[in-house]
Amino acid sequence: MTSIDRSTRIGPLWAGLHAQPAARVPYRDAQDLAPQDRDLMSRPINLFRALANSPGALRVHHAFGEWIRWDCTLDGRLRELIILLVGYLTHSPYEYSHHIAIARSFDVDSDDVRAITEWANGSTEAFAGEPEVIAALTMTVQIVEPGTVDDEAWTRASALFSEENLTDIVVIASFYCYVVRVLGTVRIEVEPDYAIELDTHPLD
């Protein structure tokens, strides 16, 4: 298993949740948008409200995210573990807190969230007996940094996943690498309903 020292984590993308500066763009509401774009605010989380400054970008982003969550054939629990690992490694409080909450609907419990942090810090016991999880997380680590998957990790995963699901792992990890960079650059703030997740599962 690939071992990752905490010091190799990317980030923080900002100084920390409580010291985080205000967002760099306005948070838009439905009434700020043209009538044909108001459907984009059906779930008015801060990420969407910030992306609504470019309605076309938000529409494409939302469609891609919906495909990942509902139509991708990769197991839902494994998908959420990949996303949580991206959030943890990039020290993104927004992504991490949101997907702790979202992941509960896909059979990810608090033990799984703790196992992500333990595995990322070199535990050989986290996810023991789950070779598919370890293979997918190893790919995810390498997609986060250095940005590509080495032959050893790819070969190991290829023995466990179909070509479709291998592609899905790459696409999901890469998509959420993009998301955390948007969050960090635009300085999108974590909503209070999600910030409470960080009390139980802090990033620091």
N, C-alpha and C. Protein backbone atom coordinates (compact mmCIF):
# COMPACT_ATOMS: atom_id res chain seq x y z
N MET A 1 0.83 -1.19 0.00
CA MET A 1 0.00 0.00 0.00
C MET A 1 0.86 1.24 0.00
N THR A 2 0.47 2.23 -0.76
CA THR A 2 1.18 3.50 -0.76
C THR A 2 0.99 4.20 0.57
N SER A 3 2.07 4.63 1.21
CA SER A 3 2.01 5.35 2.47
C SER A 3 2.22 6.82 2.21
N ILE A 4 1.37 7.64 2.82
CA ILE A 4 1.47 9.07 2.61
C ILE A 4 1.71 9.75 3.93
N ASP A 5 2.79 10.46 4.05
CA ASP A 5 3.06 11.24 5.25
C ASP A 5 2.19 12.49 5.21
N ARG A 6 1.65 12.88 6.38
CA ARG A 6 0.77 14.05 6.44
C ARG A 6 1.44 15.28 5.85
N SER A 7 2.75 15.37 5.95
CA SER A 7 3.45 16.56 5.45
C SER A 7 3.39 16.67 3.94
N THR A 8 3.02 15.59 3.26
CA THR A 8 2.95 15.63 1.80
C THR A 8 1.60 16.12 1.32
N ARG A 9 0.65 16.35 2.24
CA ARG A 9 -0.66 16.82 1.80
C ARG A 9 -0.54 18.19 1.14
N ILE A 10 -1.37 18.41 0.14
CA ILE A 10 -1.41 19.70 -0.54
C ILE A 10 -2.25 20.66 0.29
N GLY A 11 -1.78 21.87 0.46
CA GLY A 11 -2.61 22.84 1.14
C GLY A 11 -1.98 23.31 2.42
N PRO A 12 -2.77 23.96 3.27
CA PRO A 12 -4.19 24.20 3.04
C PRO A 12 -4.44 25.16 1.89
N LEU A 13 -5.58 25.01 1.24
CA LEU A 13 -5.92 25.89 0.13
C LEU A 13 -6.28 27.29 0.64
N TRP A 14 -6.56 27.42 1.92
CA TRP A 14 -6.66 28.71 2.59
C TRP A 14 -6.17 28.51 4.00
N ALA A 15 -6.11 29.55 4.78
CA ALA A 15 -5.47 29.48 6.09
C ALA A 15 -6.20 28.58 7.06
N GLY A 16 -7.45 28.29 6.83
CA GLY A 16 -8.22 27.45 7.73
C GLY A 16 -9.66 27.91 7.76
N LEU A 17 -10.55 27.05 8.21
CA LEU A 17 -11.97 27.34 8.14
C LEU A 17 -12.32 28.65 8.83
N HIS A 18 -11.84 28.85 10.07
CA HIS A 18 -12.26 30.01 10.83
C HIS A 18 -11.53 31.28 10.39
N ALA A 19 -10.38 31.13 9.73
CA ALA A 19 -9.64 32.30 9.27
C ALA A 19 -9.89 32.58 7.79
N GLN A 20 -10.79 31.80 7.19
CA GLN A 20 -10.98 31.89 5.75
C GLN A 20 -11.52 33.25 5.34
N PRO A 21 -10.88 33.91 4.37
CA PRO A 21 -11.41 35.21 3.90
C PRO A 21 -12.74 35.03 3.18
N ALA A 22 -13.42 36.15 2.98
CA ALA A 22 -14.69 36.12 2.26
C ALA A 22 -14.47 35.69 0.81
N ALA A 23 -15.53 35.15 0.23
CA ALA A 23 -15.46 34.70 -1.16
C ALA A 23 -15.08 35.85 -2.08
N ARG A 24 -14.39 35.51 -3.16
CA ARG A 24 -13.90 36.52 -4.09
C ARG A 24 -14.92 36.94 -5.13
N VAL A 25 -16.02 36.22 -5.22
CA VAL A 25 -17.11 36.58 -6.14
C VAL A 25 -18.40 36.60 -5.35
N PRO A 26 -19.42 37.31 -5.83
CA PRO A 26 -20.70 37.33 -5.10
C PRO A 26 -21.37 35.96 -5.13
N TYR A 27 -22.12 35.68 -4.08
CA TYR A 27 -23.01 34.53 -4.08
C TYR A 27 -24.32 34.95 -4.73
N ARG A 28 -24.66 34.36 -5.84
CA ARG A 28 -25.87 34.71 -6.57
C ARG A 28 -27.07 33.91 -6.06
N ASP A 29 -28.23 34.52 -6.12
CA ASP A 29 -29.48 33.85 -5.81
C ASP A 29 -30.31 33.73 -7.09
N ALA A 30 -31.41 32.97 -7.01
CA ALA A 30 -32.21 32.73 -8.20
C ALA A 30 -32.67 34.03 -8.85
N GLN A 31 -33.04 35.00 -8.02
CA GLN A 31 -33.55 36.25 -8.59
C GLN A 31 -32.48 37.07 -9.31
N ASP A 32 -31.20 36.72 -9.09
CA ASP A 32 -30.13 37.41 -9.78
C ASP A 32 -29.91 36.89 -11.20
N LEU A 33 -30.52 35.76 -11.50
CA LEU A 33 -30.26 35.08 -12.77
C LEU A 33 -31.38 35.32 -13.77
N ALA A 34 -31.05 35.13 -15.04
CA ALA A 34 -32.07 35.18 -16.09
C ALA A 34 -33.08 34.06 -15.85
N PRO A 35 -34.33 34.25 -16.26
CA PRO A 35 -35.36 33.23 -15.99
C PRO A 35 -34.96 31.83 -16.43
N GLN A 36 -34.27 31.71 -17.55
CA GLN A 36 -33.92 30.38 -18.05
C GLN A 36 -32.81 29.72 -17.23
N ASP A 37 -32.19 30.47 -16.32
CA ASP A 37 -31.11 29.90 -15.51
C ASP A 37 -31.50 29.71 -14.04
N ARG A 38 -32.69 30.08 -13.68
CA ARG A 38 -33.06 30.03 -12.26
C ARG A 38 -33.18 28.62 -11.72
N ASP A 39 -33.37 27.65 -12.61
CA ASP A 39 -33.40 26.26 -12.17
C ASP A 39 -32.06 25.81 -11.58
N LEU A 40 -30.99 26.54 -11.91
CA LEU A 40 -29.67 26.18 -11.40
C LEU A 40 -29.58 26.37 -9.89
N MET A 41 -30.50 27.12 -9.31
CA MET A 41 -30.49 27.39 -7.88
C MET A 41 -31.45 26.49 -7.11
N SER A 42 -31.79 25.33 -7.69
CA SER A 42 -32.67 24.40 -6.99
C SER A 42 -32.01 23.86 -5.72
N ARG A 43 -30.68 23.86 -5.70
CA ARG A 43 -29.92 23.50 -4.49
C ARG A 43 -28.90 24.61 -4.27
N PRO A 44 -29.27 25.64 -3.52
CA PRO A 44 -28.45 26.85 -3.46
C PRO A 44 -27.29 26.78 -2.46
N ILE A 45 -26.43 25.82 -2.63
CA ILE A 45 -25.21 25.76 -1.81
C ILE A 45 -24.24 26.83 -2.31
N ASN A 46 -23.28 27.20 -1.46
CA ASN A 46 -22.38 28.30 -1.82
C ASN A 46 -21.57 28.04 -3.08
N LEU A 47 -21.18 26.80 -3.31
CA LEU A 47 -20.43 26.49 -4.54
C LEU A 47 -21.26 26.85 -5.76
N PHE A 48 -22.51 26.44 -5.78
CA PHE A 48 -23.36 26.73 -6.93
C PHE A 48 -23.65 28.22 -7.03
N ARG A 49 -23.85 28.87 -5.90
CA ARG A 49 -24.14 30.30 -5.91
C ARG A 49 -22.95 31.10 -6.44
N ALA A 50 -21.73 30.63 -6.16
CA ALA A 50 -20.55 31.30 -6.70
C ALA A 50 -20.39 31.01 -8.19
N LEU A 51 -20.56 29.75 -8.58
CA LEU A 51 -20.44 29.40 -9.99
C LEU A 51 -21.53 30.05 -10.82
N ALA A 52 -22.63 30.45 -10.19
CA ALA A 52 -23.73 31.08 -10.93
C ALA A 52 -23.34 32.43 -11.52
N ASN A 53 -22.18 32.96 -11.13
CA ASN A 53 -21.68 34.15 -11.83
C ASN A 53 -21.40 33.83 -13.29
N SER A 54 -21.21 32.55 -13.61
CA SER A 54 -21.09 32.07 -14.99
C SER A 54 -22.11 30.95 -15.16
N PRO A 55 -23.36 31.27 -15.47
CA PRO A 55 -24.41 30.24 -15.53
C PRO A 55 -24.07 29.06 -16.43
N GLY A 56 -23.41 29.34 -17.54
CA GLY A 56 -23.05 28.25 -18.44
C GLY A 56 -22.08 27.28 -17.77
N ALA A 57 -21.11 27.82 -17.04
CA ALA A 57 -20.15 26.96 -16.32
C ALA A 57 -20.87 26.14 -15.27
N LEU A 58 -21.78 26.77 -14.52
CA LEU A 58 -22.51 26.04 -13.49
C LEU A 58 -23.35 24.93 -14.10
N ARG A 59 -23.98 25.18 -15.23
CA ARG A 59 -24.84 24.16 -15.83
C ARG A 59 -24.03 22.92 -16.23
N VAL A 60 -22.86 23.14 -16.81
CA VAL A 60 -22.01 22.01 -17.20
C VAL A 60 -21.48 21.31 -15.96
N HIS A 61 -21.03 22.09 -14.98
CA HIS A 61 -20.53 21.52 -13.73
C HIS A 61 -21.59 20.65 -13.07
N HIS A 62 -22.79 21.17 -12.97
CA HIS A 62 -23.87 20.44 -12.30
C HIS A 62 -24.20 19.15 -13.02
N ALA A 63 -24.25 19.21 -14.34
CA ALA A 63 -24.57 18.00 -15.11
C ALA A 63 -23.51 16.92 -14.90
N PHE A 64 -22.26 17.32 -14.87
CA PHE A 64 -21.17 16.35 -14.67
C PHE A 64 -21.26 15.75 -13.27
N GLY A 65 -21.50 16.62 -12.27
CA GLY A 65 -21.62 16.13 -10.91
C GLY A 65 -22.79 15.18 -10.73
N GLU A 66 -23.91 15.48 -11.37
CA GLU A 66 -25.07 14.60 -11.29
C GLU A 66 -24.79 13.25 -11.92
N TRP A 67 -24.06 13.24 -13.04
CA TRP A 67 -23.70 11.95 -13.66
C TRP A 67 -22.83 11.14 -12.70
N ILE A 68 -21.86 11.79 -12.07
CA ILE A 68 -20.99 11.07 -11.14
C ILE A 68 -21.82 10.46 -10.01
N ARG A 69 -22.76 11.23 -9.47
CA ARG A 69 -23.49 10.74 -8.30
C ARG A 69 -24.54 9.69 -8.64
N TRP A 70 -25.22 9.82 -9.76
CA TRP A 70 -26.38 8.97 -10.00
C TRP A 70 -26.24 8.00 -11.16
N ASP A 71 -25.38 8.28 -12.13
CA ASP A 71 -25.33 7.45 -13.33
C ASP A 71 -24.03 6.69 -13.53
N CYS A 72 -22.99 7.11 -12.87
CA CYS A 72 -21.72 6.38 -12.96
C CYS A 72 -21.91 4.98 -12.38
N THR A 73 -21.29 3.99 -12.99
CA THR A 73 -21.50 2.60 -12.54
C THR A 73 -20.57 2.19 -11.40
N LEU A 74 -19.63 3.04 -11.02
CA LEU A 74 -18.76 2.71 -9.90
C LEU A 74 -19.58 2.66 -8.61
N ASP A 75 -19.25 1.71 -7.74
CA ASP A 75 -19.94 1.58 -6.47
C ASP A 75 -20.00 2.92 -5.72
N GLY A 76 -21.19 3.26 -5.19
CA GLY A 76 -21.38 4.55 -4.56
C GLY A 76 -20.49 4.78 -3.35
N ARG A 77 -20.33 3.78 -2.52
CA ARG A 77 -19.44 3.93 -1.35
C ARG A 77 -18.02 4.20 -1.79
N LEU A 78 -17.54 3.45 -2.77
CA LEU A 78 -16.17 3.66 -3.24
C LEU A 78 -16.02 5.04 -3.85
N ARG A 79 -17.01 5.48 -4.60
CA ARG A 79 -16.95 6.83 -5.18
C ARG A 79 -16.79 7.88 -4.09
N GLU A 80 -17.58 7.77 -3.03
CA GLU A 80 -17.51 8.76 -1.96
C GLU A 80 -16.19 8.69 -1.19
N LEU A 81 -15.63 7.52 -1.04
CA LEU A 81 -14.31 7.40 -0.40
C LEU A 81 -13.24 8.11 -1.23
N ILE A 82 -13.32 7.98 -2.54
CA ILE A 82 -12.39 8.68 -3.43
C ILE A 82 -12.51 10.19 -3.24
N ILE A 83 -13.75 10.69 -3.22
CA ILE A 83 -13.97 12.13 -3.08
C ILE A 83 -13.49 12.62 -1.73
N LEU A 84 -13.77 11.87 -0.68
CA LEU A 84 -13.31 12.26 0.66
C LEU A 84 -11.78 12.31 0.72
N LEU A 85 -11.13 11.37 0.07
CA LEU A 85 -9.67 11.38 0.08
C LEU A 85 -9.13 12.60 -0.64
N VAL A 86 -9.73 12.98 -1.76
CA VAL A 86 -9.31 14.21 -2.44
C VAL A 86 -9.47 15.40 -1.50
N GLY A 87 -10.63 15.49 -0.84
CA GLY A 87 -10.85 16.59 0.08
C GLY A 87 -9.86 16.62 1.23
N TYR A 88 -9.53 15.44 1.75
CA TYR A 88 -8.58 15.36 2.85
C TYR A 88 -7.17 15.74 2.41
N LEU A 89 -6.71 15.17 1.31
CA LEU A 89 -5.34 15.41 0.86
C LEU A 89 -5.12 16.86 0.46
N THR A 90 -6.15 17.50 -0.07
CA THR A 90 -6.02 18.89 -0.50
C THR A 90 -6.44 19.87 0.59
N HIS A 91 -6.80 19.32 1.74
CA HIS A 91 -7.17 20.14 2.90
C HIS A 91 -8.29 21.11 2.54
N SER A 92 -9.34 20.57 1.91
CA SER A 92 -10.48 21.39 1.48
C SER A 92 -11.65 21.19 2.44
N PRO A 93 -11.86 22.12 3.37
CA PRO A 93 -12.95 21.92 4.33
C PRO A 93 -14.32 21.86 3.68
N TYR A 94 -14.52 22.59 2.59
CA TYR A 94 -15.81 22.57 1.92
C TYR A 94 -16.09 21.19 1.32
N GLU A 95 -15.16 20.71 0.52
CA GLU A 95 -15.38 19.42 -0.12
C GLU A 95 -15.51 18.30 0.90
N TYR A 96 -14.63 18.32 1.87
CA TYR A 96 -14.60 17.27 2.89
C TYR A 96 -15.89 17.25 3.70
N SER A 97 -16.32 18.40 4.18
CA SER A 97 -17.52 18.44 5.01
C SER A 97 -18.77 18.07 4.22
N HIS A 98 -18.89 18.59 3.01
CA HIS A 98 -20.07 18.27 2.20
C HIS A 98 -20.16 16.78 1.92
N HIS A 99 -19.04 16.17 1.63
CA HIS A 99 -19.11 14.76 1.24
C HIS A 99 -19.12 13.81 2.42
N ILE A 100 -18.76 14.27 3.61
CA ILE A 100 -19.05 13.47 4.80
C ILE A 100 -20.57 13.32 4.92
N ALA A 101 -21.28 14.43 4.73
CA ALA A 101 -22.74 14.40 4.81
C ALA A 101 -23.35 13.60 3.67
N ILE A 102 -22.91 13.86 2.46
CA ILE A 102 -23.46 13.16 1.29
C ILE A 102 -23.20 11.67 1.35
N ALA A 103 -22.02 11.31 1.81
CA ALA A 103 -21.59 9.90 1.79
C ALA A 103 -22.45 9.00 2.67
N ARG A 104 -23.11 9.57 3.67
CA ARG A 104 -23.95 8.74 4.53
C ARG A 104 -25.06 8.04 3.75
N SER A 105 -25.49 8.68 2.67
CA SER A 105 -26.54 8.06 1.84
C SER A 105 -26.00 6.94 0.96
N PHE A 106 -24.68 6.75 1.00
CA PHE A 106 -24.06 5.71 0.17
C PHE A 106 -23.22 4.76 1.02
N ASP A 107 -23.71 4.53 2.25
CA ASP A 107 -23.14 3.51 3.14
C ASP A 107 -21.73 3.83 3.64
N VAL A 108 -21.38 5.10 3.69
CA VAL A 108 -20.10 5.51 4.30
C VAL A 108 -20.42 6.00 5.70
N ASP A 109 -19.84 5.35 6.71
CA ASP A 109 -20.11 5.75 8.09
C ASP A 109 -18.89 6.46 8.68
N SER A 110 -19.00 6.84 9.96
CA SER A 110 -17.90 7.57 10.61
C SER A 110 -16.62 6.76 10.66
N ASP A 111 -16.74 5.44 10.79
CA ASP A 111 -15.55 4.59 10.79
C ASP A 111 -14.83 4.68 9.45
N ASP A 112 -15.58 4.74 8.36
CA ASP A 112 -14.98 4.87 7.03
C ASP A 112 -14.25 6.21 6.90
N VAL A 113 -14.87 7.27 7.42
CA VAL A 113 -14.23 8.59 7.33
C VAL A 113 -12.92 8.59 8.11
N ARG A 114 -12.95 8.02 9.32
CA ARG A 114 -11.71 7.92 10.10
C ARG A 114 -10.68 7.05 9.38
N ALA A 115 -11.14 5.99 8.72
CA ALA A 115 -10.22 5.11 8.01
C ALA A 115 -9.53 5.82 6.86
N ILE A 116 -10.23 6.76 6.21
CA ILE A 116 -9.60 7.55 5.15
C ILE A 116 -8.37 8.27 5.70
N THR A 117 -8.54 8.95 6.83
CA THR A 117 -7.41 9.71 7.38
C THR A 117 -6.31 8.78 7.86
N GLU A 118 -6.70 7.65 8.43
CA GLU A 118 -5.69 6.69 8.90
C GLU A 118 -4.92 6.11 7.72
N TRP A 119 -5.64 5.72 6.69
CA TRP A 119 -4.98 5.15 5.51
C TRP A 119 -4.04 6.16 4.86
N ALA A 120 -4.51 7.40 4.77
CA ALA A 120 -3.69 8.44 4.14
C ALA A 120 -2.43 8.74 4.93
N ASN A 121 -2.44 8.38 6.19
CA ASN A 121 -1.26 8.60 7.03
C ASN A 121 -0.49 7.32 7.30
N GLY A 122 -0.71 6.31 6.46
CA GLY A 122 0.16 5.14 6.47
C GLY A 122 -0.35 3.91 7.18
N SER A 123 -1.60 3.91 7.67
CA SER A 123 -2.11 2.75 8.37
C SER A 123 -2.21 1.55 7.44
N THR A 124 -1.77 0.40 7.93
CA THR A 124 -1.92 -0.84 7.17
C THR A 124 -3.18 -1.59 7.58
N GLU A 125 -3.89 -1.08 8.57
CA GLU A 125 -5.11 -1.74 9.04
C GLU A 125 -6.36 -1.13 8.41
N ALA A 126 -6.30 0.15 8.05
CA ALA A 126 -7.47 0.79 7.44
C ALA A 126 -7.80 0.12 6.11
N PHE A 127 -9.05 -0.26 5.95
CA PHE A 127 -9.55 -0.93 4.75
C PHE A 127 -8.86 -2.28 4.49
N ALA A 128 -8.34 -2.89 5.54
CA ALA A 128 -7.76 -4.24 5.40
C ALA A 128 -8.85 -5.19 4.91
N GLY A 129 -8.52 -6.01 3.95
CA GLY A 129 -9.50 -6.93 3.38
C GLY A 129 -10.37 -6.30 2.31
N GLU A 130 -10.06 -5.07 1.92
CA GLU A 130 -10.80 -4.40 0.84
C GLU A 130 -9.81 -3.96 -0.24
N PRO A 131 -9.30 -4.90 -1.02
CA PRO A 131 -8.27 -4.55 -2.01
C PRO A 131 -8.75 -3.56 -3.06
N GLU A 132 -10.06 -3.60 -3.40
CA GLU A 132 -10.57 -2.65 -4.39
C GLU A 132 -10.48 -1.22 -3.86
N VAL A 133 -10.84 -1.05 -2.59
CA VAL A 133 -10.76 0.28 -2.00
C VAL A 133 -9.32 0.78 -1.99
N ILE A 134 -8.41 -0.06 -1.55
CA ILE A 134 -7.00 0.35 -1.47
C ILE A 134 -6.45 0.69 -2.86
N ALA A 135 -6.81 -0.12 -3.86
CA ALA A 135 -6.33 0.15 -5.22
C ALA A 135 -6.87 1.48 -5.74
N ALA A 136 -8.15 1.74 -5.49
CA ALA A 136 -8.75 3.00 -5.97
C ALA A 136 -8.18 4.20 -5.23
N LEU A 137 -7.97 4.07 -3.93
CA LEU A 137 -7.40 5.17 -3.16
C LEU A 137 -5.95 5.44 -3.56
N THR A 138 -5.21 4.39 -3.86
CA THR A 138 -3.83 4.57 -4.31
C THR A 138 -3.80 5.35 -5.62
N MET A 139 -4.70 5.01 -6.55
CA MET A 139 -4.80 5.78 -7.78
C MET A 139 -5.15 7.24 -7.48
N THR A 140 -6.07 7.44 -6.55
CA THR A 140 -6.51 8.79 -6.23
C THR A 140 -5.37 9.64 -5.68
N VAL A 141 -4.59 9.06 -4.78
CA VAL A 141 -3.43 9.79 -4.23
C VAL A 141 -2.53 10.29 -5.35
N GLN A 142 -2.27 9.44 -6.31
CA GLN A 142 -1.34 9.80 -7.37
C GLN A 142 -1.97 10.80 -8.35
N ILE A 143 -3.28 10.74 -8.52
CA ILE A 143 -3.96 11.74 -9.37
C ILE A 143 -3.90 13.11 -8.71
N VAL A 144 -4.04 13.15 -7.38
CA VAL A 144 -3.90 14.42 -6.66
C VAL A 144 -2.50 14.97 -6.83
N GLU A 145 -1.52 14.12 -6.62
CA GLU A 145 -0.12 14.52 -6.78
C GLU A 145 0.71 13.26 -6.96
N PRO A 146 1.42 13.11 -8.06
CA PRO A 146 1.90 14.13 -8.99
C PRO A 146 0.98 14.47 -10.16
N GLY A 147 -0.19 13.84 -10.24
CA GLY A 147 -1.11 14.16 -11.33
C GLY A 147 -1.25 13.06 -12.35
N THR A 148 -0.63 11.92 -12.10
CA THR A 148 -0.75 10.77 -12.99
C THR A 148 -0.57 9.51 -12.16
N VAL A 149 -0.98 8.37 -12.70
CA VAL A 149 -0.91 7.09 -11.99
C VAL A 149 0.24 6.27 -12.54
N ASP A 150 1.09 5.74 -11.67
CA ASP A 150 2.23 4.97 -12.15
C ASP A 150 1.79 3.57 -12.59
N ASP A 151 2.68 2.87 -13.28
CA ASP A 151 2.34 1.57 -13.86
C ASP A 151 1.99 0.54 -12.80
N GLU A 152 2.68 0.57 -11.68
CA GLU A 152 2.41 -0.41 -10.62
C GLU A 152 0.99 -0.28 -10.08
N ALA A 153 0.59 0.96 -9.79
CA ALA A 153 -0.76 1.17 -9.26
C ALA A 153 -1.81 0.86 -10.31
N TRP A 154 -1.54 1.21 -11.55
CA TRP A 154 -2.50 0.94 -12.63
C TRP A 154 -2.68 -0.56 -12.85
N THR A 155 -1.57 -1.28 -12.85
CA THR A 155 -1.64 -2.73 -13.06
C THR A 155 -2.41 -3.40 -11.94
N ARG A 156 -2.17 -2.98 -10.70
CA ARG A 156 -2.87 -3.56 -9.55
C ARG A 156 -4.37 -3.29 -9.67
N ALA A 157 -4.74 -2.08 -10.03
CA ALA A 157 -6.15 -1.74 -10.15
C ALA A 157 -6.80 -2.45 -11.35
N SER A 158 -6.04 -2.62 -12.41
CA SER A 158 -6.57 -3.28 -13.61
C SER A 158 -7.00 -4.71 -13.36
N ALA A 159 -6.38 -5.34 -12.37
CA ALA A 159 -6.74 -6.72 -12.03
C ALA A 159 -8.04 -6.78 -11.22
N LEU A 160 -8.51 -5.64 -10.75
CA LEU A 160 -9.67 -5.60 -9.86
C LEU A 160 -10.89 -4.90 -10.46
N PHE A 161 -10.67 -4.05 -11.44
CA PHE A 161 -11.75 -3.25 -12.00
C PHE A 161 -11.87 -3.44 -13.50
N SER A 162 -13.07 -3.26 -14.00
CA SER A 162 -13.28 -3.23 -15.45
C SER A 162 -12.65 -1.97 -16.02
N GLU A 163 -12.47 -1.94 -17.32
CA GLU A 163 -11.93 -0.73 -17.95
C GLU A 163 -12.87 0.45 -17.74
N GLU A 164 -14.17 0.19 -17.72
CA GLU A 164 -15.12 1.26 -17.47
C GLU A 164 -14.90 1.87 -16.09
N ASN A 165 -14.80 1.02 -15.09
CA ASN A 165 -14.65 1.54 -13.74
C ASN A 165 -13.26 2.12 -13.48
N LEU A 166 -12.24 1.61 -14.13
CA LEU A 166 -10.92 2.27 -14.05
C LEU A 166 -11.03 3.70 -14.57
N THR A 167 -11.71 3.84 -15.69
CA THR A 167 -11.90 5.18 -16.25
C THR A 167 -12.71 6.05 -15.30
N ASP A 168 -13.74 5.47 -14.70
CA ASP A 168 -14.56 6.22 -13.74
C ASP A 168 -13.71 6.73 -12.58
N ILE A 169 -12.83 5.91 -12.05
CA ILE A 169 -11.98 6.32 -10.92
C ILE A 169 -11.14 7.53 -11.33
N VAL A 170 -10.54 7.46 -12.51
CA VAL A 170 -9.71 8.58 -12.99
C VAL A 170 -10.56 9.84 -13.14
N VAL A 171 -11.73 9.70 -13.74
CA VAL A 171 -12.60 10.85 -13.99
C VAL A 171 -13.08 11.47 -12.67
N ILE A 172 -13.51 10.64 -11.73
CA ILE A 172 -14.04 11.15 -10.46
C ILE A 172 -12.94 11.86 -9.67
N ALA A 173 -11.80 11.22 -9.52
CA ALA A 173 -10.71 11.85 -8.77
C ALA A 173 -10.27 13.14 -9.44
N SER A 174 -10.20 13.15 -10.75
CA SER A 174 -9.76 14.34 -11.48
C SER A 174 -10.80 15.46 -11.38
N PHE A 175 -12.08 15.11 -11.47
CA PHE A 175 -13.15 16.11 -11.36
C PHE A 175 -13.08 16.80 -10.01
N TYR A 176 -12.90 16.03 -8.95
CA TYR A 176 -12.89 16.65 -7.63
C TYR A 176 -11.57 17.36 -7.33
N CYS A 177 -10.51 17.03 -8.03
CA CYS A 177 -9.31 17.87 -7.97
C CYS A 177 -9.61 19.25 -8.55
N TYR A 178 -10.37 19.27 -9.63
CA TYR A 178 -10.82 20.56 -10.20
C TYR A 178 -11.71 21.30 -9.20
N VAL A 179 -12.64 20.59 -8.58
CA VAL A 179 -13.58 21.25 -7.66
C VAL A 179 -12.84 21.91 -6.51
N VAL A 180 -11.89 21.20 -5.89
CA VAL A 180 -11.22 21.80 -4.72
C VAL A 180 -10.37 23.00 -5.13
N ARG A 181 -9.91 23.04 -6.35
CA ARG A 181 -9.14 24.21 -6.81
C ARG A 181 -10.07 25.40 -7.05
N VAL A 182 -11.26 25.15 -7.53
CA VAL A 182 -12.25 26.23 -7.63
C VAL A 182 -12.59 26.74 -6.23
N LEU A 183 -12.88 25.83 -5.32
CA LEU A 183 -13.23 26.21 -3.95
C LEU A 183 -12.14 27.05 -3.30
N GLY A 184 -10.89 26.61 -3.45
CA GLY A 184 -9.79 27.31 -2.83
C GLY A 184 -9.49 28.65 -3.46
N THR A 185 -9.54 28.70 -4.78
CA THR A 185 -9.22 29.95 -5.48
C THR A 185 -10.28 31.01 -5.26
N VAL A 186 -11.54 30.61 -5.31
CA VAL A 186 -12.64 31.55 -5.15
C VAL A 186 -12.95 31.80 -3.66
N ARG A 187 -12.37 30.97 -2.79
CA ARG A 187 -12.54 31.09 -1.33
C ARG A 187 -14.00 30.93 -0.92
N ILE A 188 -14.58 29.86 -1.40
CA ILE A 188 -15.98 29.59 -1.10
C ILE A 188 -16.10 29.07 0.33
N GLU A 189 -17.00 29.69 1.08
CA GLU A 189 -17.13 29.41 2.51
C GLU A 189 -18.03 28.21 2.77
N VAL A 190 -17.69 27.46 3.81
CA VAL A 190 -18.50 26.31 4.22
C VAL A 190 -19.75 26.81 4.93
N GLU A 191 -20.90 26.32 4.51
CA GLU A 191 -22.15 26.68 5.16
C GLU A 191 -22.22 26.06 6.56
N PRO A 192 -22.87 26.74 7.50
CA PRO A 192 -22.93 26.24 8.88
C PRO A 192 -23.46 24.81 9.01
N ASP A 193 -24.45 24.45 8.19
CA ASP A 193 -25.01 23.10 8.28
C ASP A 193 -23.99 22.03 7.95
N TYR A 194 -22.99 22.38 7.17
CA TYR A 194 -21.93 21.43 6.82
C TYR A 194 -20.70 21.60 7.69
N ALA A 195 -20.45 22.81 8.17
CA ALA A 195 -19.27 23.06 9.00
C ALA A 195 -19.27 22.21 10.25
N ILE A 196 -20.46 21.85 10.74
CA ILE A 196 -20.51 21.02 11.96
C ILE A 196 -19.89 19.65 11.75
N GLU A 197 -19.82 19.19 10.50
CA GLU A 197 -19.18 17.90 10.23
C GLU A 197 -17.70 17.94 10.61
N LEU A 198 -17.10 19.11 10.54
CA LEU A 198 -15.68 19.24 10.83
C LEU A 198 -15.38 19.20 12.32
N ASP A 199 -16.43 19.34 13.16
CA ASP A 199 -16.24 19.17 14.59
C ASP A 199 -15.95 17.72 14.93
N THR A 200 -16.63 16.82 14.23
CA THR A 200 -16.43 15.38 14.47
C THR A 200 -15.25 14.85 13.69
N HIS A 201 -15.05 15.37 12.50
CA HIS A 201 -13.97 14.89 11.62
C HIS A 201 -13.11 16.07 11.16
N PRO A 202 -12.28 16.61 12.04
CA PRO A 202 -11.46 17.77 11.67
C PRO A 202 -10.41 17.41 10.64
N LEU A 203 -10.04 18.39 9.83
CA LEU A 203 -9.00 18.18 8.83
C LEU A 203 -7.60 18.30 9.43
N ASP A 204 -7.45 19.04 10.50
CA ASP A 204 -6.12 19.29 11.07
C ASP A 204 -5.65 18.11 11.90
